[in-house]
Amino acid sequence: MKFNEIAIEYGQVSEFTKNEHIFNFGDKSNCIYIILEGVVKAFYITEEGKEYIKTFLFSGDTIASLQALNGGECSFSLQCLQNTKVIKIAYHKVIAESEVNIEMANAVIKLLMSFAMKKEKREYELLCLDAQKRFEQLLERSPDIYEHITQNDIARYLGITPVALSRIKNQIKN
């Protein structure tokens, strides 16, 4: 059984409007969120106010601030880019159920593995690929990304300026 299927039984559906934050940096959020509908961005803001986008999330994706789940504060913010519906499941419920339910325990292991693999892939892209390769891989994963996300946000995700992204797009066309 998948974590998403289990979460429906134990979680609560919440709806958010475009631009609304599901949680902010510094919040206490002891929940795991599964995106049912909409598009969400997870991002960091530096002390100087510069935004770095960690990831974009679409229907079926799952996210949580692992630091917050462990009793700390959220290390990033989560903002809706469209009207969004999520299942919100309290981490303590997940842990309690996984102690007595092998299906839940296995689902949590798979969920944590998917978080780790996504993080490892993102680190590789940022550290080992140039901006054009990062952009090409993003388009492979999400060919319709421009229908959901602005060029400025895509550039921030890639770690480049919008002007540099325009240049890359023109190079790819030619």
N, C-alpha and C. Protein backbone atom coordinates (compact mmCIF):
# COMPACT_ATOMS: atom_id res chain seq x y z
N MET A 1 0.85 -1.19 0.00
CA MET A 1 0.00 0.00 0.00
C MET A 1 0.89 1.25 0.00
N LYS A 2 0.50 2.26 -0.76
CA LYS A 2 1.27 3.49 -0.85
C LYS A 2 0.93 4.42 0.31
N PHE A 3 1.92 5.28 0.63
CA PHE A 3 1.72 6.24 1.72
C PHE A 3 0.50 7.11 1.45
N ASN A 4 0.31 7.53 0.19
CA ASN A 4 -0.82 8.41 -0.16
C ASN A 4 -2.15 7.75 0.18
N GLU A 5 -2.25 6.45 -0.08
CA GLU A 5 -3.49 5.74 0.21
C GLU A 5 -3.75 5.66 1.71
N ILE A 6 -2.68 5.42 2.47
CA ILE A 6 -2.80 5.35 3.92
C ILE A 6 -3.15 6.73 4.49
N ALA A 7 -2.54 7.76 3.92
CA ALA A 7 -2.76 9.12 4.43
C ALA A 7 -4.21 9.55 4.30
N ILE A 8 -4.89 9.08 3.27
CA ILE A 8 -6.30 9.43 3.10
C ILE A 8 -7.10 8.98 4.32
N GLU A 9 -6.75 7.81 4.85
CA GLU A 9 -7.45 7.27 6.01
C GLU A 9 -7.16 8.07 7.29
N TYR A 10 -5.90 8.53 7.45
CA TYR A 10 -5.48 9.16 8.70
C TYR A 10 -5.36 10.68 8.62
N GLY A 11 -5.39 11.22 7.41
CA GLY A 11 -5.14 12.64 7.24
C GLY A 11 -6.40 13.48 7.13
N GLN A 12 -6.16 14.76 6.87
CA GLN A 12 -7.24 15.74 6.76
C GLN A 12 -6.99 16.56 5.49
N VAL A 13 -8.03 16.78 4.71
CA VAL A 13 -7.91 17.57 3.49
C VAL A 13 -7.96 19.06 3.86
N SER A 14 -7.04 19.81 3.29
CA SER A 14 -7.02 21.28 3.47
C SER A 14 -6.89 21.92 2.10
N GLU A 15 -7.50 23.10 1.96
CA GLU A 15 -7.43 23.83 0.71
C GLU A 15 -6.77 25.18 0.93
N PHE A 16 -5.98 25.59 -0.06
CA PHE A 16 -5.25 26.85 0.00
C PHE A 16 -5.45 27.59 -1.32
N THR A 17 -5.48 28.91 -1.25
CA THR A 17 -5.62 29.72 -2.45
C THR A 17 -4.25 30.05 -3.04
N LYS A 18 -4.26 30.47 -4.28
CA LYS A 18 -3.03 30.88 -4.97
C LYS A 18 -2.31 31.92 -4.12
N ASN A 19 -1.00 31.76 -3.99
CA ASN A 19 -0.08 32.62 -3.23
C ASN A 19 -0.12 32.39 -1.73
N GLU A 20 -1.06 31.61 -1.24
CA GLU A 20 -1.13 31.33 0.19
C GLU A 20 0.01 30.38 0.58
N HIS A 21 0.51 30.56 1.79
CA HIS A 21 1.56 29.69 2.30
C HIS A 21 0.95 28.55 3.11
N ILE A 22 1.42 27.35 2.84
CA ILE A 22 1.02 26.19 3.64
C ILE A 22 1.77 26.25 4.96
N PHE A 23 3.05 26.57 4.89
CA PHE A 23 3.84 26.90 6.08
C PHE A 23 4.98 27.82 5.67
N ASN A 24 5.55 28.50 6.65
CA ASN A 24 6.65 29.43 6.42
C ASN A 24 7.89 29.00 7.18
N PHE A 25 9.02 29.49 6.72
CA PHE A 25 10.28 29.30 7.42
C PHE A 25 10.09 29.70 8.89
N GLY A 26 10.53 28.86 9.79
CA GLY A 26 10.44 29.15 11.21
C GLY A 26 9.18 28.63 11.89
N ASP A 27 8.19 28.21 11.08
CA ASP A 27 6.97 27.65 11.67
C ASP A 27 7.25 26.30 12.31
N LYS A 28 6.37 25.92 13.21
CA LYS A 28 6.34 24.56 13.73
C LYS A 28 5.28 23.83 12.91
N SER A 29 5.70 22.88 12.12
CA SER A 29 4.75 22.13 11.30
C SER A 29 5.07 20.65 11.42
N ASN A 30 4.27 19.95 12.19
CA ASN A 30 4.52 18.54 12.44
C ASN A 30 3.71 17.65 11.49
N CYS A 31 3.48 18.13 10.27
CA CYS A 31 2.66 17.39 9.32
C CYS A 31 3.42 17.06 8.04
N ILE A 32 2.96 15.99 7.41
CA ILE A 32 3.39 15.62 6.07
C ILE A 32 2.26 16.03 5.14
N TYR A 33 2.62 16.60 4.00
CA TYR A 33 1.62 17.12 3.06
C TYR A 33 1.70 16.36 1.74
N ILE A 34 0.55 15.95 1.25
CA ILE A 34 0.44 15.30 -0.05
C ILE A 34 -0.38 16.22 -0.94
N ILE A 35 0.19 16.60 -2.07
CA ILE A 35 -0.51 17.50 -2.99
C ILE A 35 -1.54 16.69 -3.78
N LEU A 36 -2.81 17.06 -3.63
CA LEU A 36 -3.88 16.40 -4.38
C LEU A 36 -4.17 17.14 -5.68
N GLU A 37 -4.19 18.47 -5.60
CA GLU A 37 -4.43 19.33 -6.76
C GLU A 37 -3.60 20.59 -6.58
N GLY A 38 -3.16 21.17 -7.70
CA GLY A 38 -2.44 22.43 -7.64
C GLY A 38 -0.95 22.27 -7.85
N VAL A 39 -0.26 23.40 -7.71
CA VAL A 39 1.20 23.46 -7.86
C VAL A 39 1.75 24.27 -6.70
N VAL A 40 2.83 23.79 -6.11
CA VAL A 40 3.41 24.40 -4.92
C VAL A 40 4.91 24.55 -5.13
N LYS A 41 5.48 25.60 -4.54
CA LYS A 41 6.94 25.71 -4.54
C LYS A 41 7.44 25.72 -3.11
N ALA A 42 8.56 25.05 -2.91
CA ALA A 42 9.27 25.07 -1.64
C ALA A 42 10.51 25.92 -1.86
N PHE A 43 10.75 26.87 -0.94
CA PHE A 43 11.86 27.79 -1.19
C PHE A 43 12.49 28.28 0.11
N TYR A 44 13.73 28.74 -0.04
CA TYR A 44 14.49 29.35 1.05
C TYR A 44 14.62 30.84 0.76
N ILE A 45 14.70 31.64 1.80
CA ILE A 45 15.00 33.06 1.68
C ILE A 45 16.26 33.33 2.51
N THR A 46 17.27 33.94 1.88
CA THR A 46 18.50 34.25 2.61
C THR A 46 18.27 35.45 3.52
N GLU A 47 19.22 35.71 4.40
CA GLU A 47 19.13 36.89 5.27
C GLU A 47 19.07 38.17 4.47
N GLU A 48 19.64 38.16 3.25
CA GLU A 48 19.62 39.34 2.38
C GLU A 48 18.32 39.44 1.59
N GLY A 49 17.44 38.45 1.73
CA GLY A 49 16.14 38.48 1.05
C GLY A 49 16.12 37.80 -0.31
N LYS A 50 17.19 37.11 -0.68
CA LYS A 50 17.24 36.42 -1.97
C LYS A 50 16.53 35.07 -1.84
N GLU A 51 15.71 34.74 -2.84
CA GLU A 51 14.94 33.49 -2.83
C GLU A 51 15.64 32.42 -3.64
N TYR A 52 15.71 31.22 -3.07
CA TYR A 52 16.22 30.04 -3.76
C TYR A 52 15.14 28.98 -3.72
N ILE A 53 14.76 28.48 -4.88
CA ILE A 53 13.69 27.49 -4.93
C ILE A 53 14.27 26.08 -4.79
N LYS A 54 13.78 25.39 -3.81
CA LYS A 54 14.20 24.03 -3.49
C LYS A 54 13.57 23.04 -4.47
N THR A 55 12.26 23.16 -4.69
CA THR A 55 11.55 22.24 -5.56
C THR A 55 10.18 22.78 -5.92
N PHE A 56 9.62 22.22 -6.96
CA PHE A 56 8.22 22.43 -7.32
C PHE A 56 7.49 21.12 -7.05
N LEU A 57 6.26 21.22 -6.60
CA LEU A 57 5.47 20.03 -6.30
C LEU A 57 4.16 20.07 -7.07
N PHE A 58 3.79 18.90 -7.59
CA PHE A 58 2.58 18.75 -8.38
C PHE A 58 1.70 17.67 -7.75
N SER A 59 0.56 17.46 -8.34
CA SER A 59 -0.38 16.46 -7.83
C SER A 59 0.33 15.11 -7.63
N GLY A 60 0.14 14.55 -6.44
CA GLY A 60 0.76 13.27 -6.11
C GLY A 60 2.07 13.38 -5.35
N ASP A 61 2.68 14.56 -5.35
CA ASP A 61 3.94 14.76 -4.63
C ASP A 61 3.70 14.91 -3.13
N THR A 62 4.72 14.56 -2.36
CA THR A 62 4.66 14.61 -0.90
C THR A 62 5.82 15.44 -0.39
N ILE A 63 5.58 16.23 0.68
CA ILE A 63 6.65 17.05 1.26
C ILE A 63 6.41 17.26 2.74
N ALA A 64 7.50 17.49 3.44
CA ALA A 64 7.47 17.87 4.85
C ALA A 64 8.81 18.52 5.17
N SER A 65 8.83 19.35 6.17
CA SER A 65 10.10 19.84 6.70
C SER A 65 10.56 18.81 7.74
N LEU A 66 11.58 18.06 7.39
CA LEU A 66 12.05 17.00 8.29
C LEU A 66 12.52 17.57 9.62
N GLN A 67 13.11 18.76 9.59
CA GLN A 67 13.52 19.40 10.85
C GLN A 67 12.31 19.67 11.74
N ALA A 68 11.22 20.14 11.13
CA ALA A 68 10.02 20.44 11.90
C ALA A 68 9.36 19.16 12.42
N LEU A 69 9.40 18.10 11.61
CA LEU A 69 8.82 16.83 12.06
C LEU A 69 9.55 16.31 13.30
N ASN A 70 10.82 16.66 13.40
CA ASN A 70 11.65 16.20 14.51
C ASN A 70 11.64 17.17 15.68
N GLY A 71 10.65 18.07 15.73
CA GLY A 71 10.50 18.99 16.85
C GLY A 71 11.09 20.37 16.64
N GLY A 72 11.76 20.59 15.52
CA GLY A 72 12.35 21.90 15.23
C GLY A 72 11.39 22.79 14.47
N GLU A 73 11.98 23.73 13.76
CA GLU A 73 11.21 24.67 12.95
C GLU A 73 11.41 24.37 11.47
N CYS A 74 10.46 24.79 10.66
CA CYS A 74 10.58 24.61 9.21
C CYS A 74 11.81 25.35 8.69
N SER A 75 12.59 24.69 7.88
CA SER A 75 13.80 25.30 7.34
C SER A 75 13.55 25.97 5.99
N PHE A 76 12.33 25.86 5.48
CA PHE A 76 11.95 26.48 4.21
C PHE A 76 10.48 26.84 4.26
N SER A 77 10.01 27.55 3.23
CA SER A 77 8.60 27.92 3.13
C SER A 77 7.95 27.15 1.99
N LEU A 78 6.64 26.99 2.08
CA LEU A 78 5.87 26.25 1.08
C LEU A 78 4.71 27.14 0.64
N GLN A 79 4.72 27.55 -0.63
CA GLN A 79 3.73 28.49 -1.15
C GLN A 79 3.00 27.90 -2.35
N CYS A 80 1.69 28.13 -2.41
CA CYS A 80 0.86 27.65 -3.51
C CYS A 80 1.00 28.58 -4.72
N LEU A 81 1.27 28.02 -5.87
CA LEU A 81 1.33 28.79 -7.11
C LEU A 81 -0.02 28.77 -7.83
N GLN A 82 -0.91 27.92 -7.37
CA GLN A 82 -2.29 27.83 -7.85
C GLN A 82 -3.15 27.48 -6.64
N ASN A 83 -4.46 27.57 -6.82
CA ASN A 83 -5.32 27.03 -5.77
C ASN A 83 -4.94 25.57 -5.59
N THR A 84 -4.81 25.15 -4.34
CA THR A 84 -4.21 23.85 -4.05
C THR A 84 -5.01 23.11 -2.98
N LYS A 85 -5.12 21.80 -3.16
CA LYS A 85 -5.74 20.93 -2.17
C LYS A 85 -4.70 19.91 -1.74
N VAL A 86 -4.55 19.73 -0.42
CA VAL A 86 -3.58 18.78 0.13
C VAL A 86 -4.24 17.87 1.15
N ILE A 87 -3.61 16.73 1.36
CA ILE A 87 -3.91 15.92 2.54
C ILE A 87 -2.79 16.22 3.52
N LYS A 88 -3.19 16.55 4.72
CA LYS A 88 -2.26 16.89 5.79
C LYS A 88 -2.37 15.78 6.84
N ILE A 89 -1.24 15.15 7.14
CA ILE A 89 -1.27 14.07 8.12
C ILE A 89 -0.22 14.34 9.20
N ALA A 90 -0.66 14.32 10.43
CA ALA A 90 0.23 14.58 11.57
C ALA A 90 1.28 13.48 11.68
N TYR A 91 2.51 13.88 11.81
CA TYR A 91 3.62 12.93 11.88
C TYR A 91 3.48 11.97 13.05
N HIS A 92 2.99 12.44 14.19
CA HIS A 92 2.85 11.56 15.35
C HIS A 92 1.85 10.42 15.07
N LYS A 93 0.84 10.70 14.24
CA LYS A 93 -0.10 9.65 13.85
C LYS A 93 0.60 8.61 12.96
N VAL A 94 1.44 9.10 12.07
CA VAL A 94 2.18 8.20 11.18
C VAL A 94 3.08 7.29 11.99
N ILE A 95 3.81 7.87 12.94
CA ILE A 95 4.73 7.08 13.77
C ILE A 95 3.95 6.08 14.63
N ALA A 96 2.90 6.52 15.26
CA ALA A 96 2.10 5.62 16.11
C ALA A 96 1.54 4.46 15.30
N GLU A 97 1.03 4.76 14.12
CA GLU A 97 0.45 3.69 13.29
C GLU A 97 1.54 2.77 12.74
N SER A 98 2.70 3.34 12.41
CA SER A 98 3.77 2.49 11.85
C SER A 98 4.34 1.52 12.89
N GLU A 99 4.15 1.83 14.17
CA GLU A 99 4.62 0.92 15.22
C GLU A 99 3.76 -0.33 15.32
N VAL A 100 2.53 -0.27 14.83
CA VAL A 100 1.63 -1.43 14.92
C VAL A 100 1.15 -1.93 13.56
N ASN A 101 1.51 -1.24 12.50
CA ASN A 101 1.01 -1.58 11.17
C ASN A 101 2.20 -1.67 10.22
N ILE A 102 2.53 -2.88 9.79
CA ILE A 102 3.69 -3.08 8.91
C ILE A 102 3.52 -2.38 7.57
N GLU A 103 2.29 -2.29 7.05
CA GLU A 103 2.06 -1.57 5.80
C GLU A 103 2.43 -0.09 5.94
N MET A 104 2.03 0.51 7.06
CA MET A 104 2.37 1.91 7.31
C MET A 104 3.88 2.05 7.46
N ALA A 105 4.52 1.17 8.20
CA ALA A 105 5.97 1.24 8.39
C ALA A 105 6.69 1.14 7.05
N ASN A 106 6.27 0.22 6.20
CA ASN A 106 6.88 0.08 4.88
C ASN A 106 6.63 1.31 4.01
N ALA A 107 5.43 1.88 4.11
CA ALA A 107 5.11 3.09 3.35
C ALA A 107 5.99 4.26 3.79
N VAL A 108 6.24 4.37 5.09
CA VAL A 108 7.10 5.44 5.60
C VAL A 108 8.53 5.26 5.10
N ILE A 109 9.02 4.03 5.11
CA ILE A 109 10.37 3.77 4.59
C ILE A 109 10.46 4.20 3.12
N LYS A 110 9.47 3.83 2.33
CA LYS A 110 9.47 4.21 0.91
C LYS A 110 9.39 5.72 0.74
N LEU A 111 8.58 6.37 1.57
CA LEU A 111 8.46 7.82 1.51
C LEU A 111 9.79 8.50 1.83
N LEU A 112 10.44 8.05 2.89
CA LEU A 112 11.72 8.64 3.27
C LEU A 112 12.79 8.38 2.20
N MET A 113 12.77 7.21 1.59
CA MET A 113 13.69 6.92 0.49
C MET A 113 13.45 7.87 -0.69
N SER A 114 12.18 8.12 -0.99
CA SER A 114 11.88 9.03 -2.11
C SER A 114 12.36 10.44 -1.80
N PHE A 115 12.20 10.90 -0.54
CA PHE A 115 12.73 12.21 -0.15
C PHE A 115 14.24 12.25 -0.35
N ALA A 116 14.93 11.22 0.12
CA ALA A 116 16.40 11.18 0.02
C ALA A 116 16.86 11.13 -1.43
N MET A 117 16.20 10.34 -2.25
CA MET A 117 16.59 10.23 -3.65
C MET A 117 16.36 11.54 -4.40
N LYS A 118 15.25 12.21 -4.11
CA LYS A 118 14.97 13.50 -4.76
C LYS A 118 16.03 14.53 -4.36
N LYS A 119 16.40 14.53 -3.08
CA LYS A 119 17.42 15.46 -2.60
C LYS A 119 18.77 15.18 -3.24
N GLU A 120 19.12 13.90 -3.35
CA GLU A 120 20.40 13.52 -3.96
C GLU A 120 20.45 13.95 -5.43
N LYS A 121 19.36 13.74 -6.15
CA LYS A 121 19.30 14.13 -7.56
C LYS A 121 19.43 15.64 -7.71
N ARG A 122 18.75 16.39 -6.86
CA ARG A 122 18.82 17.86 -6.92
C ARG A 122 20.24 18.34 -6.63
N GLU A 123 20.89 17.76 -5.62
CA GLU A 123 22.28 18.13 -5.30
C GLU A 123 23.19 17.87 -6.49
N TYR A 124 23.04 16.70 -7.12
CA TYR A 124 23.86 16.36 -8.28
C TYR A 124 23.67 17.40 -9.38
N GLU A 125 22.42 17.72 -9.69
CA GLU A 125 22.15 18.68 -10.75
C GLU A 125 22.81 20.02 -10.47
N LEU A 126 22.67 20.51 -9.23
CA LEU A 126 23.23 21.82 -8.89
C LEU A 126 24.75 21.82 -8.87
N LEU A 127 25.35 20.72 -8.44
CA LEU A 127 26.80 20.67 -8.28
C LEU A 127 27.54 20.22 -9.53
N CYS A 128 26.90 19.43 -10.38
CA CYS A 128 27.62 18.79 -11.48
C CYS A 128 27.15 19.17 -12.88
N LEU A 129 25.99 19.76 -13.01
CA LEU A 129 25.47 20.09 -14.34
C LEU A 129 25.46 21.59 -14.55
N ASP A 130 25.69 21.99 -15.80
CA ASP A 130 25.58 23.42 -16.09
C ASP A 130 24.10 23.79 -16.21
N ALA A 131 23.83 25.07 -16.28
CA ALA A 131 22.44 25.57 -16.26
C ALA A 131 21.62 25.02 -17.42
N GLN A 132 22.23 24.91 -18.61
CA GLN A 132 21.48 24.40 -19.76
C GLN A 132 21.06 22.95 -19.53
N LYS A 133 21.95 22.13 -19.01
CA LYS A 133 21.60 20.72 -18.73
C LYS A 133 20.52 20.64 -17.66
N ARG A 134 20.61 21.49 -16.62
CA ARG A 134 19.57 21.50 -15.58
C ARG A 134 18.22 21.86 -16.18
N PHE A 135 18.21 22.84 -17.08
CA PHE A 135 16.98 23.27 -17.73
C PHE A 135 16.42 22.14 -18.60
N GLU A 136 17.28 21.49 -19.37
CA GLU A 136 16.83 20.39 -20.24
C GLU A 136 16.23 19.25 -19.41
N GLN A 137 16.86 18.92 -18.28
CA GLN A 137 16.32 17.87 -17.42
C GLN A 137 14.98 18.28 -16.81
N LEU A 138 14.86 19.55 -16.44
CA LEU A 138 13.58 20.04 -15.91
C LEU A 138 12.48 19.90 -16.96
N LEU A 139 12.79 20.25 -18.21
CA LEU A 139 11.80 20.12 -19.28
C LEU A 139 11.44 18.66 -19.55
N GLU A 140 12.42 17.77 -19.41
CA GLU A 140 12.13 16.34 -19.59
C GLU A 140 11.14 15.86 -18.52
N ARG A 141 11.35 16.29 -17.27
CA ARG A 141 10.47 15.87 -16.17
C ARG A 141 9.11 16.53 -16.25
N SER A 142 9.11 17.81 -16.66
CA SER A 142 7.86 18.60 -16.67
C SER A 142 7.78 19.41 -17.97
N PRO A 143 7.42 18.76 -19.08
CA PRO A 143 7.41 19.48 -20.36
C PRO A 143 6.43 20.66 -20.40
N ASP A 144 5.41 20.64 -19.57
CA ASP A 144 4.41 21.71 -19.56
C ASP A 144 4.64 22.70 -18.41
N ILE A 145 5.86 22.79 -17.94
CA ILE A 145 6.16 23.59 -16.75
C ILE A 145 5.75 25.06 -16.90
N TYR A 146 5.86 25.60 -18.12
CA TYR A 146 5.52 27.01 -18.31
C TYR A 146 4.02 27.27 -18.17
N GLU A 147 3.21 26.23 -18.20
CA GLU A 147 1.77 26.40 -17.98
C GLU A 147 1.47 26.65 -16.50
N HIS A 148 2.41 26.31 -15.63
CA HIS A 148 2.17 26.36 -14.19
C HIS A 148 3.09 27.32 -13.43
N ILE A 149 4.26 27.58 -14.00
CA ILE A 149 5.31 28.27 -13.24
C ILE A 149 5.90 29.40 -14.08
N THR A 150 6.16 30.53 -13.45
CA THR A 150 6.70 31.69 -14.17
C THR A 150 8.16 31.47 -14.54
N GLN A 151 8.60 32.22 -15.54
CA GLN A 151 10.01 32.15 -15.95
C GLN A 151 10.92 32.58 -14.81
N ASN A 152 10.51 33.57 -14.02
CA ASN A 152 11.34 34.00 -12.88
C ASN A 152 11.53 32.87 -11.87
N ASP A 153 10.46 32.13 -11.57
CA ASP A 153 10.58 31.02 -10.63
C ASP A 153 11.42 29.88 -11.21
N ILE A 154 11.26 29.62 -12.50
CA ILE A 154 12.08 28.58 -13.13
C ILE A 154 13.55 28.97 -13.06
N ALA A 155 13.86 30.23 -13.33
CA ALA A 155 15.25 30.70 -13.25
C ALA A 155 15.79 30.55 -11.83
N ARG A 156 15.00 30.91 -10.82
CA ARG A 156 15.45 30.77 -9.43
C ARG A 156 15.69 29.29 -9.09
N TYR A 157 14.85 28.43 -9.59
CA TYR A 157 15.02 26.99 -9.36
C TYR A 157 16.35 26.51 -9.98
N LEU A 158 16.65 27.03 -11.16
CA LEU A 158 17.88 26.62 -11.84
C LEU A 158 19.13 27.30 -11.28
N GLY A 159 18.92 28.35 -10.48
CA GLY A 159 20.05 29.08 -9.90
C GLY A 159 20.67 30.08 -10.85
N ILE A 160 19.85 30.61 -11.77
CA ILE A 160 20.32 31.58 -12.74
C ILE A 160 19.35 32.76 -12.81
N THR A 161 19.72 33.79 -13.57
CA THR A 161 18.84 34.94 -13.74
C THR A 161 17.83 34.65 -14.86
N PRO A 162 16.71 35.37 -14.88
CA PRO A 162 15.75 35.21 -15.98
C PRO A 162 16.38 35.53 -17.35
N VAL A 163 17.31 36.48 -17.39
CA VAL A 163 18.00 36.81 -18.65
C VAL A 163 18.83 35.62 -19.12
N ALA A 164 19.56 35.00 -18.21
CA ALA A 164 20.35 33.82 -18.56
C ALA A 164 19.45 32.69 -19.05
N LEU A 165 18.29 32.54 -18.44
CA LEU A 165 17.34 31.51 -18.88
C LEU A 165 16.85 31.80 -20.29
N SER A 166 16.57 33.06 -20.60
CA SER A 166 16.15 33.43 -21.96
C SER A 166 17.23 33.07 -22.98
N ARG A 167 18.49 33.32 -22.62
CA ARG A 167 19.60 32.97 -23.52
C ARG A 167 19.65 31.46 -23.75
N ILE A 168 19.50 30.71 -22.69
CA ILE A 168 19.52 29.24 -22.81
C ILE A 168 18.38 28.77 -23.70
N LYS A 169 17.18 29.32 -23.50
CA LYS A 169 16.03 28.93 -24.32
C LYS A 169 16.29 29.23 -25.79
N ASN A 170 16.92 30.38 -26.08
CA ASN A 170 17.23 30.74 -27.47
C ASN A 170 18.29 29.81 -28.06
N GLN A 171 19.29 29.41 -27.25
CA GLN A 171 20.32 28.47 -27.73
C GLN A 171 19.70 27.12 -28.07
N ILE A 172 18.76 26.68 -27.27
CA ILE A 172 18.12 25.38 -27.50
C ILE A 172 17.28 25.43 -28.77
N LYS A 173 16.61 26.55 -29.03
CA LYS A 173 15.77 26.70 -30.24
C LYS A 173 16.63 26.64 -31.50
N ASN A 174 17.83 27.22 -31.42
CA ASN A 174 18.71 27.31 -32.62
C ASN A 174 19.52 26.09 -32.76
